C-alpha atoms as a PDB file:
ATOM      1  CA  MET A   1     131.253  95.001 133.188  1.00  0.00           C
ATOM      2  CA  LYS A   2     132.160  94.069 129.628  1.00  0.00           C
ATOM      3  CA  THR A   3     129.774  95.311 126.990  1.00  0.00           C
ATOM      4  CA  ARG A   4     129.674  95.396 123.238  1.00  0.00           C
ATOM      5  CA  GLU A   5     128.563  97.585 120.418  1.00  0.00           C
ATOM      6  CA  VAL A   6     128.029  95.323 117.420  1.00  0.00           C
ATOM      7  CA  VAL A   7     127.787  96.783 113.944  1.00  0.00           C
ATOM      8  CA  ILE A   8     125.624  94.482 111.866  1.00  0.00           C
ATOM      9  CA  GLY A   9     126.155  95.348 108.218  1.00  0.00           C
ATOM     10  CA  LEU A  10     123.603  94.328 105.645  1.00  0.00           C
ATOM     11  CA  THR A  11     125.263  93.061 102.491  1.00  0.00           C
ATOM     12  CA  THR A  12     122.271  91.218 101.045  1.00  0.00           C
ATOM     13  CA  GLY A  13     118.878  92.321  99.805  1.00  0.00           C
ATOM     14  CA  LEU A  14     118.023  95.708  98.383  1.00  0.00           C
ATOM     15  CA  TRP A  15     119.079  97.908 101.281  1.00  0.00           C
ATOM     16  CA  PRO A  16     122.790  97.366 102.055  1.00  0.00           C
ATOM     17  CA  LEU A  17     123.045 100.912 103.404  1.00  0.00           C
ATOM     18  CA  PHE A  18     122.075 100.314 106.996  1.00  0.00           C
ATOM     19  CA  GLY A  19     123.594  98.764 110.072  1.00  0.00           C
ATOM     20  CA  MET A  20     122.740  98.483 113.718  1.00  0.00           C
ATOM     21  CA  TYR A  21     124.467  98.807 117.057  1.00  0.00           C
ATOM     22  CA  ALA A  22     123.560  96.377 119.825  1.00  0.00           C
ATOM     23  CA  LEU A  23     124.763  96.811 123.392  1.00  0.00           C
ATOM     24  CA  CYS A  24     125.057  93.641 125.460  1.00  0.00           C
ATOM     25  CA  ALA A  25     127.344  91.823 127.876  1.00  0.00           C
ATOM     26  CA  GLY A  26     130.632  90.200 126.823  1.00  0.00           C
ATOM     27  CA  CYS A  27     130.879  91.081 123.120  1.00  0.00           C
ATOM     28  CA  SER A  28     132.766  93.525 120.834  1.00  0.00           C
ATOM     29  CA  SER A  29     132.898  95.594 117.655  1.00  0.00           C
ATOM     30  CA  GLU A  30     134.754  98.383 115.736  1.00  0.00           C
ATOM     31  CA  PRO A  31     133.064 101.503 114.434  1.00  0.00           C
ATOM     32  CA  ALA A  32     132.088 101.682 110.806  1.00  0.00           C
ATOM     33  CA  VAL A  33     133.802 104.399 108.830  1.00  0.00           C
ATOM     34  CA  GLN A  34     131.500 106.719 106.956  1.00  0.00           C
ATOM     35  CA  ALA A  35     131.740 106.343 103.204  1.00  0.00           C
ATOM     36  CA  GLU A  36     132.829 109.464 101.360  1.00  0.00           C
ATOM     37  CA  ARG A  37     130.128 111.000  99.270  1.00  0.00           C
ATOM     38  CA  GLU A  38     130.716 110.713  95.537  1.00  0.00           C
ATOM     39  CA  THR A  39     129.965 113.622  93.278  1.00  0.00           C
ATOM     40  CA  SER A  40     126.721 112.979  91.473  1.00  0.00           C
ATOM     41  CA  PRO A  41     126.533 112.852  87.675  1.00  0.00           C
ATOM     42  CA  MET A  42     124.294 115.921  87.854  1.00  0.00           C
ATOM     43  CA  GLU A  43     126.999 117.889  89.619  1.00  0.00           C
ATOM     44  CA  LYS A  44     129.779 116.618  87.366  1.00  0.00           C
ATOM     45  CA  ASN A  45     127.934 117.537  84.189  1.00  0.00           C
ATOM     46  CA  ALA A  46     126.521 120.887  85.280  1.00  0.00           C
ATOM     47  CA  SER A  47     128.448 123.719  83.652  1.00  0.00           C
ATOM     48  CA  ILE A  48     128.918 127.039  85.408  1.00  0.00           C
ATOM     49  CA  SER A  49     127.119 129.841  83.651  1.00  0.00           C
ATOM     50  CA  GLU A  50     129.038 133.082  83.846  1.00  0.00           C
ATOM     51  CA  SER A  51     126.103 135.066  82.487  1.00  0.00           C
ATOM     52  CA  LYS A  52     126.050 138.630  83.810  1.00  0.00           C
ATOM     53  CA  ASN A  53     122.253 138.514  83.753  1.00  0.00           C
ATOM     54  CA  ALA A  54     121.916 136.205  86.768  1.00  0.00           C
ATOM     55  CA  GLY A  55     121.426 138.298  89.910  1.00  0.00           C
ATOM     56  CA  GLN A  56     120.141 141.172  87.765  1.00  0.00           C
ATOM     57  CA  ASN A  57     117.131 141.757  85.533  1.00  0.00           C
ATOM     58  CA  GLY A  58     114.643 140.375  88.057  1.00  0.00           C
ATOM     59  CA  PHE A  59     116.518 137.188  88.941  1.00  0.00           C
ATOM     60  CA  GLU A  60     114.131 134.937  90.901  1.00  0.00           C
ATOM     61  CA  VAL A  61     114.504 131.538  92.550  1.00  0.00           C
ATOM     62  CA  LEU A  62     111.392 129.420  91.820  1.00  0.00           C
ATOM     63  CA  ASN A  63     112.241 126.274  93.806  1.00  0.00           C
ATOM     64  CA  GLN A  64     115.281 124.084  94.563  1.00  0.00           C
ATOM     65  CA  LEU A  65     115.733 123.244  90.887  1.00  0.00           C
ATOM     66  CA  TYR A  66     114.803 126.330  88.862  1.00  0.00           C
ATOM     67  CA  ALA A  67     115.371 130.070  88.664  1.00  0.00           C
ATOM     68  CA  ARG A  68     114.646 132.698  86.015  1.00  0.00           C
ATOM     69  CA  ASP A  69     115.221 136.297  85.077  1.00  0.00           C
ATOM     70  CA  ALA A  70     113.818 138.634  82.440  1.00  0.00           C
ATOM     71  CA  LYS A  71     115.542 136.786  79.590  1.00  0.00           C
ATOM     72  CA  THR A  72     116.005 133.108  80.380  1.00  0.00           C
ATOM     73  CA  ALA A  73     115.600 130.274  82.893  1.00  0.00           C
ATOM     74  CA  TYR A  74     118.308 128.533  84.931  1.00  0.00           C
ATOM     75  CA  ALA A  75     118.787 125.099  86.428  1.00  0.00           C
ATOM     76  CA  ILE A  76     120.015 125.217  90.031  1.00  0.00           C
ATOM     77  CA  ARG A  77     122.773 122.778  90.873  1.00  0.00           C
ATOM     78  CA  GLY A  78     124.448 122.266  94.254  1.00  0.00           C
ATOM     79  CA  LYS A  79     128.239 122.258  93.910  1.00  0.00           C
ATOM     80  CA  SER A  80     129.294 120.076  96.815  1.00  0.00           C
ATOM     81  CA  GLN A  81     126.258 118.670  98.569  1.00  0.00           C
ATOM     82  CA  MET A  82     122.557 118.019  98.213  1.00  0.00           C
ATOM     83  CA  MET A  83     120.519 121.170  98.652  1.00  0.00           C
ATOM     84  CA  HIS A  84     118.291 121.276 101.706  1.00  0.00           C
ATOM     85  CA  GLU A  85     117.450 124.974 101.542  1.00  0.00           C
ATOM     86  CA  LEU A  86     116.654 127.420  98.792  1.00  0.00           C
ATOM     87  CA  PRO A  87     119.534 129.568  97.612  1.00  0.00           C
ATOM     88  CA  SER A  88     119.031 133.259  98.182  1.00  0.00           C
ATOM     89  CA  ASP A  89     117.477 135.358  95.438  1.00  0.00           C
ATOM     90  CA  ARG A  90     120.918 136.380  94.168  1.00  0.00           C
ATOM     91  CA  ARG A  91     123.806 134.707  92.402  1.00  0.00           C
ATOM     92  CA  ASP A  92     125.269 132.500  95.144  1.00  0.00           C
ATOM     93  CA  LEU A  93     128.366 131.105  93.403  1.00  0.00           C
ATOM     94  CA  ASP A  94     129.842 129.755  96.621  1.00  0.00           C
ATOM     95  CA  ASN A  95     127.312 126.929  96.909  1.00  0.00           C
ATOM     96  CA  TYR A  96     125.353 126.754  93.652  1.00  0.00           C
ATOM     97  CA  GLU A  97     125.749 126.777  89.903  1.00  0.00           C
ATOM     98  CA  TYR A  98     123.167 128.266  87.561  1.00  0.00           C
ATOM     99  CA  PRO A  99     123.585 126.812  84.052  1.00  0.00           C
ATOM    100  CA  VAL A 100     121.312 128.448  81.513  1.00  0.00           C
ATOM    101  CA  ILE A 101     118.521 126.209  80.221  1.00  0.00           C
ATOM    102  CA  ALA A 102     119.045 126.426  76.462  1.00  0.00           C
ATOM    103  CA  GLY A 103     116.124 127.860  74.537  1.00  0.00           C
ATOM    104  CA  SER A 104     114.089 128.769  77.621  1.00  0.00           C
ATOM    105  CA  ASP A 105     111.982 131.922  77.891  1.00  0.00           C
ATOM    106  CA  GLY A 106     112.373 133.634  81.256  1.00  0.00           C
ATOM    107  CA  PRO A 107     109.194 135.754  81.338  1.00  0.00           C
ATOM    108  CA  THR A 108     106.877 132.789  80.673  1.00  0.00           C
ATOM    109  CA  PHE A 109     108.877 130.103  82.480  1.00  0.00           C
ATOM    110  CA  GLU A 110     106.957 128.503  85.379  1.00  0.00           C
ATOM    111  CA  VAL A 111     107.242 125.483  87.680  1.00  0.00           C
ATOM    112  CA  LEU A 112     104.246 123.149  87.474  1.00  0.00           C
ATOM    113  CA  ASN A 113     104.174 121.784  91.004  1.00  0.00           C
ATOM    114  CA  LEU A 114     104.430 123.491  94.386  1.00  0.00           C
ATOM    115  CA  ALA A 115     106.757 120.844  95.814  1.00  0.00           C
ATOM    116  CA  PRO A 116     110.282 122.141  96.625  1.00  0.00           C
ATOM    117  CA  TYR A 117     111.878 119.652  94.205  1.00  0.00           C
ATOM    118  CA  ALA A 118     109.205 119.797  91.498  1.00  0.00           C
ATOM    119  CA  HIS A 119     110.898 118.533  88.326  1.00  0.00           C
ATOM    120  CA  HIS A 120     108.542 119.759  85.612  1.00  0.00           C
ATOM    121  CA  ALA A 121     108.344 123.274  84.231  1.00  0.00           C
ATOM    122  CA  ARG A 122     107.176 124.956  81.045  1.00  0.00           C
ATOM    123  CA  ASP A 123     107.302 128.171  79.091  1.00  0.00           C
ATOM    124  CA  ARG A 124     105.508 129.405  75.974  1.00  0.00           C
ATOM    125  CA  ARG A 125     107.421 126.951  73.780  1.00  0.00           C
ATOM    126  CA  TYR A 126     108.485 123.772  75.639  1.00  0.00           C
ATOM    127  CA  GLY A 127     108.100 121.513  78.642  1.00  0.00           C
ATOM    128  CA  TYR A 128     111.110 120.787  80.871  1.00  0.00           C
ATOM    129  CA  PHE A 129     112.259 118.002  83.190  1.00  0.00           C
ATOM    130  CA  TRP A 130     115.070 118.418  85.730  1.00  0.00           C
ATOM    131  CA  GLY A 131     116.415 121.455  83.977  1.00  0.00           C
ATOM    132  CA  GLU A 132     116.428 119.911  80.520  1.00  0.00           C
ATOM    133  CA  ARG A 133     114.187 120.826  77.605  1.00  0.00           C
ATOM    134  CA  ILE A 134     111.911 118.019  76.400  1.00  0.00           C
ATOM    135  CA  GLU A 135     112.337 117.986  72.656  1.00  0.00           C
ATOM    136  CA  GLY A 136     109.058 117.976  70.755  1.00  0.00           C
ATOM    137  CA  SER A 137     106.983 118.967  73.802  1.00  0.00           C
ATOM    138  CA  ASP A 138     104.294 121.638  73.634  1.00  0.00           C
ATOM    139  CA  GLY A 139     104.723 124.260  76.352  1.00  0.00           C
ATOM    140  CA  PRO A 140     101.196 125.745  76.363  1.00  0.00           C
ATOM    141  CA  THR A 141      99.565 122.327  76.952  1.00  0.00           C
ATOM    142  CA  PHE A 142     102.346 120.745  79.023  1.00  0.00           C
ATOM    143  CA  THR A 143     100.990 119.475  82.384  1.00  0.00           C
ATOM    144  CA  ASP A 144     102.554 117.766  85.388  1.00  0.00           C
ATOM    145  CA  LEU A 145     100.893 114.460  86.351  1.00  0.00           C
ATOM    146  CA  GLY A 146     103.073 113.788  89.402  1.00  0.00           C
ATOM    147  CA  GLY A 147     105.485 110.914  89.965  1.00  0.00           C
ATOM    148  CA  ASN A 148     107.793 112.048  87.117  1.00  0.00           C
ATOM    149  CA  PHE A 149     104.909 111.787  84.627  1.00  0.00           C
ATOM    150  CA  ALA A 150     103.721 114.626  82.402  1.00  0.00           C
ATOM    151  CA  ARG A 151     101.616 115.106  79.301  1.00  0.00           C
ATOM    152  CA  ASP A 152     100.819 117.646  76.624  1.00  0.00           C
ATOM    153  CA  ALA A 153      98.412 117.686  73.699  1.00  0.00           C
ATOM    154  CA  HIS A 154     100.476 115.148  71.790  1.00  0.00           C
ATOM    155  CA  ALA A 155     102.181 112.699  74.164  1.00  0.00           C
ATOM    156  CA  ILE A 156     102.716 111.178  77.607  1.00  0.00           C
ATOM    157  CA  TYR A 157     106.168 111.650  79.153  1.00  0.00           C
ATOM    158  CA  TYR A 158     108.119 109.909  81.900  1.00  0.00           C
ATOM    159  CA  ARG A 159     111.267 111.565  83.231  1.00  0.00           C
ATOM    160  CA  GLY A 160     111.379 113.761  80.156  1.00  0.00           C
ATOM    161  CA  HIS A 161     111.023 110.961  77.601  1.00  0.00           C
ATOM    162  CA  LYS A 162     108.035 110.260  75.421  1.00  0.00           C
ATOM    163  CA  VAL A 163     106.134 107.052  76.222  1.00  0.00           C
ATOM    164  CA  GLU A 164     105.658 105.716  72.704  1.00  0.00           C
ATOM    165  CA  GLU A 165     103.265 102.898  73.672  1.00  0.00           C
ATOM    166  CA  ALA A 166     100.891 105.028  75.739  1.00  0.00           C
ATOM    167  CA  ASP A 167      97.265 105.514  74.782  1.00  0.00           C
ATOM    168  CA  MET A 168      96.626 109.210  75.347  1.00  0.00           C
ATOM    169  CA  GLU A 169      92.930 108.921  76.115  1.00  0.00           C
ATOM    170  CA  SER A 170      93.093 106.182  78.745  1.00  0.00           C
ATOM    171  CA  PHE A 171      96.508 106.715  80.342  1.00  0.00           C
ATOM    172  CA  ARG A 172      96.431 107.381  84.106  1.00  0.00           C
ATOM    173  CA  ARG A 173      98.547 107.053  87.217  1.00  0.00           C
ATOM    174  CA  LEU A 174      97.119 104.626  89.730  1.00  0.00           C
ATOM    175  CA  ASP A 175      97.850 106.586  92.904  1.00  0.00           C
ATOM    176  CA  ASP A 176      99.682 109.638  94.202  1.00  0.00           C
ATOM    177  CA  PHE A 177     102.695 107.849  95.675  1.00  0.00           C
ATOM    178  CA  SER A 178     103.899 105.115  93.337  1.00  0.00           C
ATOM    179  CA  THR A 179     105.067 105.132  89.713  1.00  0.00           C
ATOM    180  CA  PHE A 180     102.540 102.549  88.565  1.00  0.00           C
ATOM    181  CA  ALA A 181     100.308 103.563  85.652  1.00  0.00           C
ATOM    182  CA  VAL A 182      97.925 101.963  83.163  1.00  0.00           C
ATOM    183  CA  ASP A 183      96.125 102.615  79.928  1.00  0.00           C
ATOM    184  CA  LYS A 184      93.617 100.428  78.125  1.00  0.00           C
ATOM    185  CA  ASN A 185      96.370  98.241  76.673  1.00  0.00           C
ATOM    186  CA  HIS A 186      99.324  98.254  79.074  1.00  0.00           C
ATOM    187  CA  THR A 187     100.517  98.387  82.668  1.00  0.00           C
ATOM    188  CA  TYR A 188     103.637 100.411  83.515  1.00  0.00           C
ATOM    189  CA  HIS A 189     106.128 100.886  86.316  1.00  0.00           C
ATOM    190  CA  GLY A 190     108.691 103.657  86.375  1.00  0.00           C
ATOM    191  CA  ASP A 191     112.144 103.785  87.940  1.00  0.00           C
ATOM    192  CA  LEU A 192     115.264 105.919  87.542  1.00  0.00           C
ATOM    193  CA  HIS A 193     116.090 104.207  84.253  1.00  0.00           C
ATOM    194  CA  GLY A 194     112.756 104.741  82.557  1.00  0.00           C
ATOM    195  CA  LEU A 195     109.218 103.449  82.230  1.00  0.00           C
ATOM    196  CA  ILE A 196     108.878  99.674  81.993  1.00  0.00           C
ATOM    197  CA  LEU A 197     106.016  97.707  80.476  1.00  0.00           C
ATOM    198  CA  ILE A 198     104.889  95.021  82.936  1.00  0.00           C
ATOM    199  CA  GLU A 199     104.544  91.965  80.743  1.00  0.00           C
ATOM    200  CA  ASN A 200     101.284  89.993  80.947  1.00  0.00           C
ATOM    201  CA  ALA A 201      99.801  92.259  83.633  1.00  0.00           C
ATOM    202  CA  ASP A 202      96.092  92.972  83.324  1.00  0.00           C
ATOM    203  CA  PRO A 203      95.488  96.750  83.267  1.00  0.00           C
ATOM    204  CA  LYS A 204      91.779  96.308  84.007  1.00  0.00           C
ATOM    205  CA  THR A 205      92.346  94.576  87.366  1.00  0.00           C
ATOM    206  CA  PHE A 206      95.779  95.909  88.272  1.00  0.00           C
ATOM    207  CA  ARG A 207      95.751  97.418  91.775  1.00  0.00           C
ATOM    208  CA  VAL A 208      98.498  99.179  93.755  1.00  0.00           C
ATOM    209  CA  LEU A 209      99.126  98.086  97.362  1.00  0.00           C
ATOM    210  CA  ASP A 210     101.944 100.556  98.090  1.00  0.00           C
ATOM    211  CA  GLU A 211     104.896 102.094  96.253  1.00  0.00           C
ATOM    212  CA  LEU A 212     106.531  98.692  95.868  1.00  0.00           C
ATOM    213  CA  TYR A 213     103.814  96.026  95.604  1.00  0.00           C
ATOM    214  CA  ALA A 214     100.785  95.558  93.355  1.00  0.00           C
ATOM    215  CA  VAL A 215      98.384  92.800  92.296  1.00  0.00           C
ATOM    216  CA  ASP A 216      96.100  91.923  89.426  1.00  0.00           C
ATOM    217  CA  ARG A 217      93.645  89.054  88.925  1.00  0.00           C
ATOM    218  CA  ALA A 218      96.455  86.533  88.419  1.00  0.00           C
ATOM    219  CA  ALA A 219      99.656  87.579  90.220  1.00  0.00           C
ATOM    220  CA  VAL A 220     101.484  89.602  92.857  1.00  0.00           C
ATOM    221  CA  TYR A 221     104.132  92.099  91.684  1.00  0.00           C
ATOM    222  CA  ARG A 222     107.157  93.746  93.166  1.00  0.00           C
ATOM    223  CA  GLU A 223     107.455  96.761  90.873  1.00  0.00           C
ATOM    224  CA  ASP A 224     107.534  95.237  87.358  1.00  0.00           C
ATOM    225  CA  LYS A 225     108.386  91.650  88.405  1.00  0.00           C
ATOM    226  CA  ILE A 226     106.017  88.816  89.360  1.00  0.00           C
ATOM    227  CA  ILE A 227     106.680  87.340  92.802  1.00  0.00           C
ATOM    228  CA  ARG A 228     106.655  83.638  91.960  1.00  0.00           C
ATOM    229  CA  GLY A 229     104.789  81.480  94.442  1.00  0.00           C
ATOM    230  CA  ALA A 230     103.075  84.347  96.276  1.00  0.00           C
ATOM    231  CA  ASP A 231      99.546  83.538  97.415  1.00  0.00           C
ATOM    232  CA  LEU A 232      97.289  86.108  95.812  1.00  0.00           C
ATOM    233  CA  GLU A 233      94.373  85.650  98.193  1.00  0.00           C
ATOM    234  CA  THR A 234      96.318  86.170 101.425  1.00  0.00           C
ATOM    235  CA  PHE A 235      99.121  88.511 100.314  1.00  0.00           C
ATOM    236  CA  GLU A 236      99.274  91.683 102.412  1.00  0.00           C
ATOM    237  CA  VAL A 237     101.635  94.618 102.819  1.00  0.00           C
ATOM    238  CA  LEU A 238     102.809  95.284 106.376  1.00  0.00           C
ATOM    239  CA  GLN A 239     102.486  98.891 107.506  1.00  0.00           C
ATOM    240  CA  ASP A 240     104.658 100.621 110.064  1.00  0.00           C
ATOM    241  CA  ARG A 241     102.252 101.235 112.937  1.00  0.00           C
ATOM    242  CA  PHE A 242     104.576 103.707 114.684  1.00  0.00           C
ATOM    243  CA  THR A 243     105.370 106.120 111.894  1.00  0.00           C
ATOM    244  CA  HIS A 244     102.261 105.558 109.744  1.00  0.00           C
ATOM    245  CA  SER A 245     104.529 106.542 106.907  1.00  0.00           C
ATOM    246  CA  MET A 246     103.154 106.625 103.380  1.00  0.00           C
ATOM    247  CA  HIS A 247     106.580 105.395 102.293  1.00  0.00           C
ATOM    248  CA  TYR A 248     106.627 101.628 101.927  1.00  0.00           C
ATOM    249  CA  SER A 249     108.264  99.428 104.564  1.00  0.00           C
ATOM    250  CA  GLY A 250     109.332  96.703 102.109  1.00  0.00           C
ATOM    251  CA  TYR A 251     107.723  93.993 104.228  1.00  0.00           C
ATOM    252  CA  ALA A 252     104.815  91.796 103.107  1.00  0.00           C
ATOM    253  CA  ARG A 253     103.514  88.320 103.826  1.00  0.00           C
ATOM    254  CA  ASP A 254     101.013  85.696 102.731  1.00  0.00           C
ATOM    255  CA  LYS A 255      99.829  82.562 104.484  1.00  0.00           C
ATOM    256  CA  ASN A 256     103.067  80.738 103.666  1.00  0.00           C
ATOM    257  CA  ARG A 257     105.949  83.197 103.428  1.00  0.00           C
ATOM    258  CA  VAL A 258     107.353  86.560 104.482  1.00  0.00           C
ATOM    259  CA  TYR A 259     108.843  88.961 101.916  1.00  0.00           C
ATOM    260  CA  TYR A 260     111.302  91.830 102.161  1.00  0.00           C
ATOM    261  CA  TYR A 261     111.432  93.969  99.014  1.00  0.00           C
ATOM    262  CA  GLY A 262     109.936  91.049  97.126  1.00  0.00           C
ATOM    263  CA  GLU A 263     112.541  88.537  98.306  1.00  0.00           C
ATOM    264  CA  VAL A 264     111.503  85.621 100.504  1.00  0.00           C
ATOM    265  CA  MET A 265     112.790  85.623 104.089  1.00  0.00           C
ATOM    266  CA  PRO A 266     113.231  81.847 104.210  1.00  0.00           C
ATOM    267  CA  GLU A 267     113.466  81.420 107.985  1.00  0.00           C
ATOM    268  CA  ALA A 268     110.686  83.826 108.935  1.00  0.00           C
ATOM    269  CA  HIS A 269     107.481  82.336 110.370  1.00  0.00           C
ATOM    270  CA  SER A 270     104.603  83.955 108.492  1.00  0.00           C
ATOM    271  CA  PRO A 271     101.713  83.359 110.950  1.00  0.00           C
ATOM    272  CA  SER A 272     103.565  85.076 113.809  1.00  0.00           C
ATOM    273  CA  PHE A 273     105.518  87.650 111.809  1.00  0.00           C
ATOM    274  CA  VAL A 274     104.854  91.320 112.614  1.00  0.00           C
ATOM    275  CA  LEU A 275     106.491  94.593 111.609  1.00  0.00           C
ATOM    276  CA  VAL A 276     107.377  96.316 114.868  1.00  0.00           C
ATOM    277  CA  ALA A 277     108.703  99.545 113.379  1.00  0.00           C
ATOM    278  CA  SER A 278     110.792  99.661 110.246  1.00  0.00           C
ATOM    279  CA  PRO A 279     113.516  98.368 110.089  1.00  0.00           C
ATOM    280  CA  PHE A 280     112.675  96.115 113.068  1.00  0.00           C
ATOM    281  CA  SER A 281     110.358  93.111 112.751  1.00  0.00           C
ATOM    282  CA  LYS A 282     109.918  89.845 114.645  1.00  0.00           C
ATOM    283  CA  ASP A 283     108.260  86.462 114.681  1.00  0.00           C
ATOM    284  CA  ARG A 284     107.850  83.879 117.453  1.00  0.00           C
ATOM    285  CA  ARG A 285     111.538  82.877 117.268  1.00  0.00           C
ATOM    286  CA  THR A 286     113.660  85.986 116.725  1.00  0.00           C
ATOM    287  CA  VAL A 287     113.889  89.701 115.930  1.00  0.00           C
ATOM    288  CA  TYR A 288     114.956  90.929 112.474  1.00  0.00           C
ATOM    289  CA  PHE A 289     116.818  94.038 111.361  1.00  0.00           C
ATOM    290  CA  HIS A 290     115.709  94.614 107.773  1.00  0.00           C
ATOM    291  CA  ASN A 291     115.795  90.996 106.501  1.00  0.00           C
ATOM    292  CA  GLN A 292     118.495  89.614 108.808  1.00  0.00           C
ATOM    293  CA  LYS A 293     118.088  87.847 112.116  1.00  0.00           C
ATOM    294  CA  ILE A 294     119.558  89.559 115.189  1.00  0.00           C
ATOM    295  CA  PRO A 295     121.561  86.830 116.957  1.00  0.00           C
ATOM    296  CA  GLY A 296     120.514  86.374 120.560  1.00  0.00           C
ATOM    297  CA  SER A 297     117.500  88.676 120.349  1.00  0.00           C
ATOM    298  CA  ASP A 298     114.386  87.964 122.396  1.00  0.00           C
ATOM    299  CA  PRO A 299     111.115  88.651 120.540  1.00  0.00           C
ATOM    300  CA  ALA A 300     108.977  88.236 123.659  1.00  0.00           C
ATOM    301  CA  THR A 301     110.605  91.221 125.420  1.00  0.00           C
ATOM    302  CA  PHE A 302     111.603  93.278 122.365  1.00  0.00           C
ATOM    303  CA  GLU A 303     110.447  96.863 122.724  1.00  0.00           C
ATOM    304  CA  TYR A 304     110.702  99.752 120.269  1.00  0.00           C
ATOM    305  CA  PHE A 305     110.905 103.368 121.465  1.00  0.00           C
ATOM    306  CA  ARG A 306     109.143 105.700 119.104  1.00  0.00           C
ATOM    307  CA  ASP A 307     111.125 108.731 120.298  1.00  0.00           C
ATOM    308  CA  GLY A 308     114.215 106.838 121.404  1.00  0.00           C
ATOM    309  CA  ARG A 309     115.626 106.296 124.876  1.00  0.00           C
ATOM    310  CA  GLU A 310     118.758 107.576 126.595  1.00  0.00           C
ATOM    311  CA  ASP A 311     120.958 105.086 128.458  1.00  0.00           C
ATOM    312  CA  ARG A 312     124.630 105.283 129.451  1.00  0.00           C
ATOM    313  CA  GLY A 313     125.022 108.513 127.569  1.00  0.00           C
ATOM    314  CA  LYS A 314     123.785 107.157 124.230  1.00  0.00           C
ATOM    315  CA  HIS A 315     120.549 107.259 122.296  1.00  0.00           C
ATOM    316  CA  TRP A 316     118.855 103.905 121.618  1.00  0.00           C
ATOM    317  CA  ASP A 317     115.902 102.872 119.459  1.00  0.00           C
ATOM    318  CA  ALA A 318     114.898  99.524 120.951  1.00  0.00           C
ATOM    319  CA  LYS A 319     115.729  96.943 123.617  1.00  0.00           C
ATOM    320  CA  ASP A 320     114.986  93.427 124.800  1.00  0.00           C
ATOM    321  CA  LYS A 321     115.913  91.693 128.057  1.00  0.00           C
ATOM    322  CA  GLY A 322     119.579  91.432 127.106  1.00  0.00           C
ATOM    323  CA  HIS A 323     120.333  94.160 124.565  1.00  0.00           C
ATOM    324  CA  TRP A 324     119.918  97.791 123.589  1.00  0.00           C
ATOM    325  CA  TYR A 325     119.728  98.603 119.872  1.00  0.00           C
ATOM    326  CA  ARG A 326     120.219 101.688 117.725  1.00  0.00           C
ATOM    327  CA  ASN A 327     120.408 102.437 114.004  1.00  0.00           C
ATOM    328  CA  VAL A 328     123.478 103.760 112.198  1.00  0.00           C
ATOM    329  CA  VAL A 329     124.565 104.208 108.603  1.00  0.00           C
ATOM    330  CA  PRO A 330     127.865 102.335 108.314  1.00  0.00           C
ATOM    331  CA  ASN A 331     130.436 102.136 105.579  1.00  0.00           C
ATOM    332  CA  LEU A 332     128.757 100.864 102.433  1.00  0.00           C
ATOM    333  CA  GLU A 333     131.416  98.260 101.677  1.00  0.00           C
ATOM    334  CA  THR A 334     133.258  97.100 104.801  1.00  0.00           C
ATOM    335  CA  MET A 335     131.839  96.409 108.256  1.00  0.00           C
ATOM    336  CA  LYS A 336     134.280  96.256 111.203  1.00  0.00           C
ATOM    337  CA  THR A 337     133.933  95.741 114.956  1.00  0.00           C
ATOM    338  CA  ARG A 338     135.548  97.294 118.024  1.00  0.00           C
ATOM    339  CA  SER A 339     136.008  96.108 121.601  1.00  0.00           C
ATOM    340  CA  THR A 340     134.924  98.391 124.433  1.00  0.00           C
ATOM    341  CA  ARG A 341     134.760  98.092 128.193  1.00  0.00           C
ATOM    342  CA  ARG A 342     132.326  99.681 130.579  1.00  0.00           C
ATOM    343  CA  ARG A 343     132.378  99.635 134.358  1.00  0.00           C
END
């Protein structure tokens, strides 16, 4: 029997990092080649401290990002890969670098959040973000607000930078998961590039739906951008009923349209559209992988396996009457196919 494994690469939308294998009769594909990992800017810029004090004088690992000894504090940097475990409480030069944090005070240095990758720290003089001193910050009053936000007696900070427009008295984050915030005058959304003022948003009625979407009395927002044409009264975020994840799915709909990361899915049928389990969704006509239709899929018989299913020696995530499906992470730039035969 001829079968196929089809790699469907997503080159549109906000998530081009995923693909999918489908197994069916009479079709073909080639395997995607894994993209080589690029060295991050953090790793490129981190200098190796050759201080003799590390590993001595009470050297202590505080979390995945910080360490200290009796004199100073250190930023922890992975040399060749992302860190998934704490380094040992010694100078592990094979896997990690420990650049000294300039001006830090080891005895009073402390991390301000119990999370393994907590970014904020302080000592008796300064506040710190991601191993860098925040100039002008006040260590004794420096406090972590979560979501890359912090404050001290004089200012609000986002990712280590002072938020000049913020009103100190009224500034607040809107939930524990997103980077939306408000004060009496402004509405904000943060990303990796900084904190953005959401123009014309109403801070008094602004409400977060999940990490991606929000609404106020006049509009629907995807992060800091208005979703033009969205119906405010019927707009809803679609939750993943299998994982119940607090992380957003990206899917939403109103009475007229379906959205994926704020972009309209033009062929999706809103009244019948459901999120099966991210990244699978369906309507009355077809099944979708992220925001792309799966050719030949059958929504009536489509079934998702929460814990996967073994068949023909492979692990699969879903099936319909003619196909088996599984997720992969293909090459980020080029998708290829390969022919196979099974008997």
